[in-house]
Every structure is written in C-alpha cells, then in structure tokens.
Amino acid sequence: MVQESVVPIVQAQHLSKQVASPAGELLILDNVSFRVCPGEAIAILGASGSGKSTLLGLLAGLDVPTRGSVILDGAELGSLDEDGRARLRADRVGFVFQSFQLLPSLTALENVMLPLELAGNASARAAATEVLDRVGLGARLQHYPSQLSGGEQQRAAIARAFAAKPKVLFADEPTGNLDQNTGARIIELLFSLNTELATTLILVTHDRELSGHCKRRLELVAGRLAQDPSEDCLPPR
C-alpha cells in the first residue's frame, strides 16, 4: 500500500547564497533543496564554513537568498517584507542558540515572558512559569542569567523557545558552549519537548552524537548537500 504524502512544513527550493568578499563573490550555498515534515527532527551537519548557519538563517527568514526560495508553513518568505517575516517568526518559530541570548537585565521568568508579552499573551506569566518548571527551573524563576550556570541558561533559553508553542524550532549548535554531561541533558530535554509538543526541530550542528538523535541528517560540504534528500514527506508510522 502506497502511503499518502503530507505537506512539508519547511521547503528549501534551489537555495543559493552569494556574498561579496575582498577576493570577489563568495558562494556560501549552492542549489540546496530539501523538505522537512511536520513534527520531524532533522540535523544539518557540516564542517565549519560549510554554510550550516547561513542555511538556518535563510530557512528562518533572518536572511534572504541570492537565488531560490523558502516556504515556511505555507508562506513563501520571498513574498514577505522584513516586517512580514518578523511577524511570521513571532507566530510560528522558536530559536535556541549556542550563546543562549538571554537578556542579562531580566530574570529567567522575565526572559521567558518577554516574547509572550510582545505577542499579546495575557497569560504570559503563567505560561512562562509552567514551562520553566517543566525544564527544571521552577526554583530559579527570579535568578538573573549571571546567577545561572551555563546549563541552566540554556534550559531557560529552551523554555523561552518552547513557551509560545512554535510550529518550528531552529537550534544552532545548542550544546556548543556546554560540557559533555550538561550537553547530554540539554539534548534529552530538547528531544523530549520536540516529541511532547510535536514541534518540528531543525538542528544545525557539527556534533554527530547530537545529530544521531534525529531521524534524518543532511550534510553540507562546501555549500552543497552531500546527498539527495527524499522529495516526499510521509506520515509517521
């Protein structure tokens, strides 16, 4: 019996990115195409300089391609202006970065509440408290980032990313600044929330242990995919 394909939540279509350099035009990404299914966890692997973070920025609408297009949850990003892409991210996207990106003048609770308040969520405090408790920071709500360990800061960043229940979460080297044991706990947390909330997870990493938790792995080599990904999204078995 043939399975019926489902609509991808993220589609990269012939993406290329060129930037100016002292030596001339530099091609960072070259004709990259793939699809990501709803709820899927996918890893984008590659050495430093292979174009991983550039690709993530294009998929999230933080940057625009030189050629090609990105469709995110049915919206063609190239048809939106900068404000439109920002609204789309606020509604449907979460981010986790290697450097945590917490605001130092805000407590853990306030950091998680901020994007909820900006989105007009009247229950921001309750929602932020609930997700911080879920990631094990229920006793650290009033602590500032400087009073938290690296692992605790990344837990707060993950709580902030998942608080608004995004459809897609982009994670850029989320364990890069953590020791091995702390990184392993963060990996477990990320994937448990991915499963529990059915959030699509797109990871950029050079860590093959981290990528091993993903159902699918795409490898970039000098800006090109090292293999041809499957063209169809199939419903989970």
Protein backbone atom coordinates (compact mmCIF):
# COMPACT_ATOMS: atom_id res chain seq x y z
CA MET A 1 0.00 0.00 0.00
CA VAL A 2 1.39 3.41 -1.01
CA GLN A 3 1.48 6.00 1.78
CA GLU A 4 -0.03 9.36 1.04
CA SER A 5 2.49 12.19 1.31
CA VAL A 6 1.85 15.10 3.67
CA VAL A 7 2.51 18.79 3.16
CA PRO A 8 6.04 19.78 4.26
CA ILE A 9 6.26 22.46 6.92
CA VAL A 10 9.60 23.75 5.56
CA GLN A 11 10.73 23.63 1.93
CA ALA A 12 14.06 24.84 0.60
CA GLN A 13 13.94 25.20 -3.17
CA HIS A 14 17.23 25.63 -5.06
CA LEU A 15 18.70 27.92 -2.41
CA SER A 16 21.93 29.74 -3.23
CA LYS A 17 23.64 32.48 -1.27
CA GLN A 18 26.49 34.67 -2.51
CA VAL A 19 28.24 37.42 -0.57
CA ALA A 20 30.89 39.95 -1.53
CA SER A 21 34.43 39.35 -0.28
CA PRO A 22 37.79 41.04 -0.92
CA ALA A 23 38.56 38.20 -3.37
CA GLY A 24 35.25 38.66 -5.20
CA GLU A 25 31.87 36.95 -4.93
CA LEU A 26 31.86 34.06 -2.46
CA LEU A 27 29.32 31.27 -2.97
CA ILE A 28 28.27 30.06 0.51
CA LEU A 29 25.29 27.88 -0.51
CA ASP A 30 24.85 26.31 -3.91
CA ASN A 31 21.48 25.00 -5.14
CA VAL A 32 20.26 23.42 -1.87
CA SER A 33 16.82 21.77 -1.93
CA PHE A 34 15.03 19.63 0.66
CA ARG A 35 11.76 19.28 2.56
CA VAL A 36 11.03 18.91 6.27
CA CYS A 37 7.92 17.12 7.50
CA PRO A 38 5.72 18.41 10.36
CA GLY A 39 6.99 17.13 13.70
CA GLU A 40 10.24 15.83 12.23
CA ALA A 41 13.64 16.25 13.90
CA ILE A 42 16.32 16.89 11.30
CA ALA A 43 20.04 17.62 11.69
CA ILE A 44 22.06 19.76 9.30
CA LEU A 45 25.69 18.69 9.59
CA GLY A 46 28.89 20.10 8.20
CA ALA A 47 32.34 21.39 8.99
CA SER A 48 32.96 24.99 9.96
CA GLY A 49 32.40 27.18 6.92
CA SER A 50 30.19 24.66 5.11
CA GLY A 51 27.19 27.01 5.18
CA LYS A 52 25.14 25.48 8.03
CA SER A 53 24.32 28.69 9.91
CA THR A 54 23.71 30.57 6.67
CA LEU A 55 21.19 27.91 5.66
CA LEU A 56 19.43 28.12 9.02
CA GLY A 57 19.17 31.90 8.67
CA LEU A 58 17.57 31.52 5.25
CA LEU A 59 15.11 28.87 6.44
CA ALA A 60 14.02 31.12 9.33
CA GLY A 61 13.72 34.25 7.19
CA LEU A 62 16.53 36.02 9.03
CA ASP A 63 18.31 36.46 5.69
CA VAL A 64 17.27 36.28 2.04
CA PRO A 65 18.77 34.01 -0.61
CA THR A 66 20.55 35.20 -3.72
CA ARG A 67 18.53 32.63 -5.66
CA GLY A 68 15.83 30.14 -4.75
CA SER A 69 13.05 30.24 -2.21
CA VAL A 70 11.90 29.06 1.21
CA ILE A 71 8.34 28.08 2.08
CA LEU A 72 7.68 28.07 5.84
CA ASP A 73 4.33 26.66 6.96
CA GLY A 74 2.75 27.57 3.63
CA ALA A 75 4.22 31.09 3.43
CA GLU A 76 6.75 31.88 0.70
CA LEU A 77 9.27 34.02 2.58
CA GLY A 78 10.41 35.89 -0.52
CA SER A 79 6.91 37.33 -0.93
CA LEU A 80 7.08 38.96 2.53
CA ASP A 81 8.91 42.12 3.54
CA GLU A 82 11.13 42.22 6.62
CA ASP A 83 8.22 43.08 8.93
CA GLY A 84 6.13 40.27 7.46
CA ARG A 85 8.91 37.75 8.02
CA ALA A 86 9.30 39.01 11.60
CA ARG A 87 5.58 38.51 12.26
CA LEU A 88 5.75 35.00 10.82
CA ARG A 89 8.68 34.14 13.10
CA ALA A 90 6.89 35.55 16.14
CA ASP A 91 3.81 33.44 15.38
CA ARG A 92 5.36 30.14 14.34
CA VAL A 93 9.10 29.92 15.06
CA GLY A 94 11.35 29.44 18.09
CA PHE A 95 15.14 29.70 18.36
CA VAL A 96 17.85 28.18 20.56
CA PHE A 97 21.38 29.49 20.08
CA GLN A 98 24.81 28.35 21.22
CA SER A 99 25.31 31.62 23.15
CA PHE A 100 21.92 31.42 24.97
CA GLN A 101 20.92 35.04 24.04
CA LEU A 102 19.27 35.78 27.38
CA LEU A 103 18.84 39.44 28.34
CA PRO A 104 21.15 39.99 31.34
CA SER A 105 18.92 42.61 33.00
CA LEU A 106 15.89 40.28 33.10
CA THR A 107 15.26 37.30 35.38
CA ALA A 108 14.74 33.83 33.95
CA LEU A 109 10.99 34.33 34.29
CA GLU A 110 11.08 37.74 32.62
CA ASN A 111 13.23 36.41 29.75
CA VAL A 112 10.67 33.72 29.01
CA MET A 113 7.71 36.08 29.49
CA LEU A 114 9.06 38.75 27.12
CA PRO A 115 8.22 37.15 23.73
CA LEU A 116 4.85 36.04 25.09
CA GLU A 117 4.04 39.58 26.21
CA LEU A 118 5.18 41.00 22.86
CA ALA A 119 2.78 38.57 21.19
CA GLY A 120 -0.07 39.84 23.38
CA ASN A 121 -0.41 36.72 25.53
CA ALA A 122 -2.47 37.74 28.57
CA SER A 123 -1.31 34.63 30.44
CA ALA A 124 2.40 35.22 29.84
CA ARG A 125 3.45 34.84 33.48
CA ALA A 126 1.55 31.60 34.00
CA ALA A 127 2.76 30.13 30.71
CA ALA A 128 6.38 31.12 31.39
CA THR A 129 6.25 29.73 34.92
CA GLU A 130 4.83 26.44 33.68
CA VAL A 131 7.48 25.89 31.00
CA LEU A 132 10.34 26.90 33.31
CA ASP A 133 9.10 24.38 35.84
CA ARG A 134 8.96 21.79 33.05
CA VAL A 135 12.66 22.32 32.23
CA GLY A 136 13.65 22.09 35.89
CA LEU A 137 14.00 25.79 36.71
CA GLY A 138 10.91 26.22 38.88
CA ALA A 139 13.09 27.26 41.82
CA ARG A 140 15.18 29.68 39.74
CA LEU A 141 12.49 31.97 38.33
CA GLN A 142 13.86 35.14 39.91
CA HIS A 143 17.51 34.47 39.13
CA TYR A 144 19.33 36.58 36.54
CA PRO A 145 21.41 34.91 33.80
CA SER A 146 24.64 35.75 35.65
CA GLN A 147 23.33 33.73 38.60
CA LEU A 148 22.66 30.66 36.46
CA SER A 149 25.10 28.01 35.25
CA GLY A 150 25.61 27.50 31.52
CA GLY A 151 23.27 24.52 31.53
CA GLU A 152 20.62 26.47 33.43
CA GLN A 153 20.91 29.37 30.99
CA GLN A 154 20.39 27.02 28.07
CA ARG A 155 17.37 25.48 29.87
CA ALA A 156 15.93 28.98 30.22
CA ALA A 157 16.61 29.63 26.53
CA ILE A 158 14.83 26.37 25.62
CA ALA A 159 11.90 27.33 27.85
CA ARG A 160 11.68 30.68 26.07
CA ALA A 161 11.77 28.96 22.68
CA PHE A 162 9.03 26.45 23.51
CA ALA A 163 6.81 28.76 25.61
CA ALA A 164 4.86 30.06 22.64
CA LYS A 165 4.43 26.51 21.27
CA PRO A 166 6.12 27.23 17.92
CA LYS A 167 5.50 25.03 14.92
CA VAL A 168 9.21 25.03 14.05
CA LEU A 169 12.20 25.34 16.35
CA PHE A 170 15.63 26.18 14.93
CA ALA A 171 18.62 25.26 17.10
CA ASP A 172 22.12 26.46 16.17
CA GLU A 173 24.83 24.42 17.96
CA PRO A 174 22.66 24.28 21.14
CA THR A 175 25.28 22.33 23.14
CA GLY A 176 28.35 24.11 21.76
CA ASN A 177 29.11 26.05 24.96
CA LEU A 178 28.35 23.22 27.39
CA ASP A 179 30.40 20.39 28.88
CA GLN A 180 29.61 16.85 27.76
CA ASN A 181 27.38 15.87 30.69
CA THR A 182 25.40 19.12 30.65
CA GLY A 183 25.11 18.93 26.87
CA ALA A 184 23.68 15.41 27.12
CA ARG A 185 20.96 16.64 29.50
CA ILE A 186 20.13 19.53 27.17
CA ILE A 187 19.87 17.11 24.23
CA GLU A 188 17.48 14.92 26.21
CA LEU A 189 15.37 17.95 27.11
CA LEU A 190 15.21 19.24 23.53
CA PHE A 191 14.06 15.95 22.09
CA SER A 192 11.58 15.21 24.86
CA LEU A 193 9.90 18.58 24.24
CA ASN A 194 10.07 18.02 20.49
CA THR A 195 8.14 14.76 20.93
CA GLU A 196 5.74 16.03 23.59
CA LEU A 197 4.73 19.20 21.74
CA ALA A 198 5.07 17.81 18.17
CA THR A 199 7.31 20.75 17.28
CA THR A 200 9.39 20.41 14.13
CA LEU A 201 13.06 20.58 15.16
CA ILE A 202 15.80 21.69 12.77
CA LEU A 203 19.27 21.40 14.32
CA VAL A 204 22.48 22.86 12.96
CA THR A 205 25.46 21.07 14.47
CA HIS A 206 28.87 19.54 13.87
CA ASP A 207 28.22 17.13 16.79
CA ARG A 208 27.46 13.67 15.38
CA GLU A 209 26.24 12.41 18.76
CA LEU A 210 23.63 15.17 18.82
CA SER A 211 22.69 14.54 15.19
CA GLY A 212 22.26 10.84 15.96
CA HIS A 213 19.08 11.67 17.88
CA CYS A 214 17.48 12.96 14.66
CA LYS A 215 15.52 10.76 12.31
CA ARG A 216 17.19 12.38 9.31
CA ARG A 217 20.56 14.02 8.73
CA LEU A 218 21.60 16.29 5.87
CA GLU A 219 25.29 17.05 5.39
CA LEU A 220 26.63 20.21 3.78
CA VAL A 221 30.01 20.06 2.07
CA ALA A 222 31.30 23.37 0.70
CA GLY A 223 27.76 24.74 0.45
CA ARG A 224 26.19 21.76 -1.28
CA LEU A 225 24.22 18.80 0.05
CA ALA A 226 26.34 15.68 0.10
CA GLN A 227 23.35 13.52 -0.77
CA ASP A 228 19.96 13.88 -2.43
CA PRO A 229 17.25 14.01 0.25
CA SER A 230 13.87 12.34 -0.11
CA GLU A 231 11.44 14.52 -2.01
CA ASP A 232 8.29 13.47 -0.13
CA CYS A 233 7.07 13.84 3.43
CA LEU A 234 5.37 10.70 4.67
CA PRO A 235 3.12 10.49 7.74
CA PRO A 236 4.76 8.86 10.77
CA ARG A 237 4.19 5.14 11.18
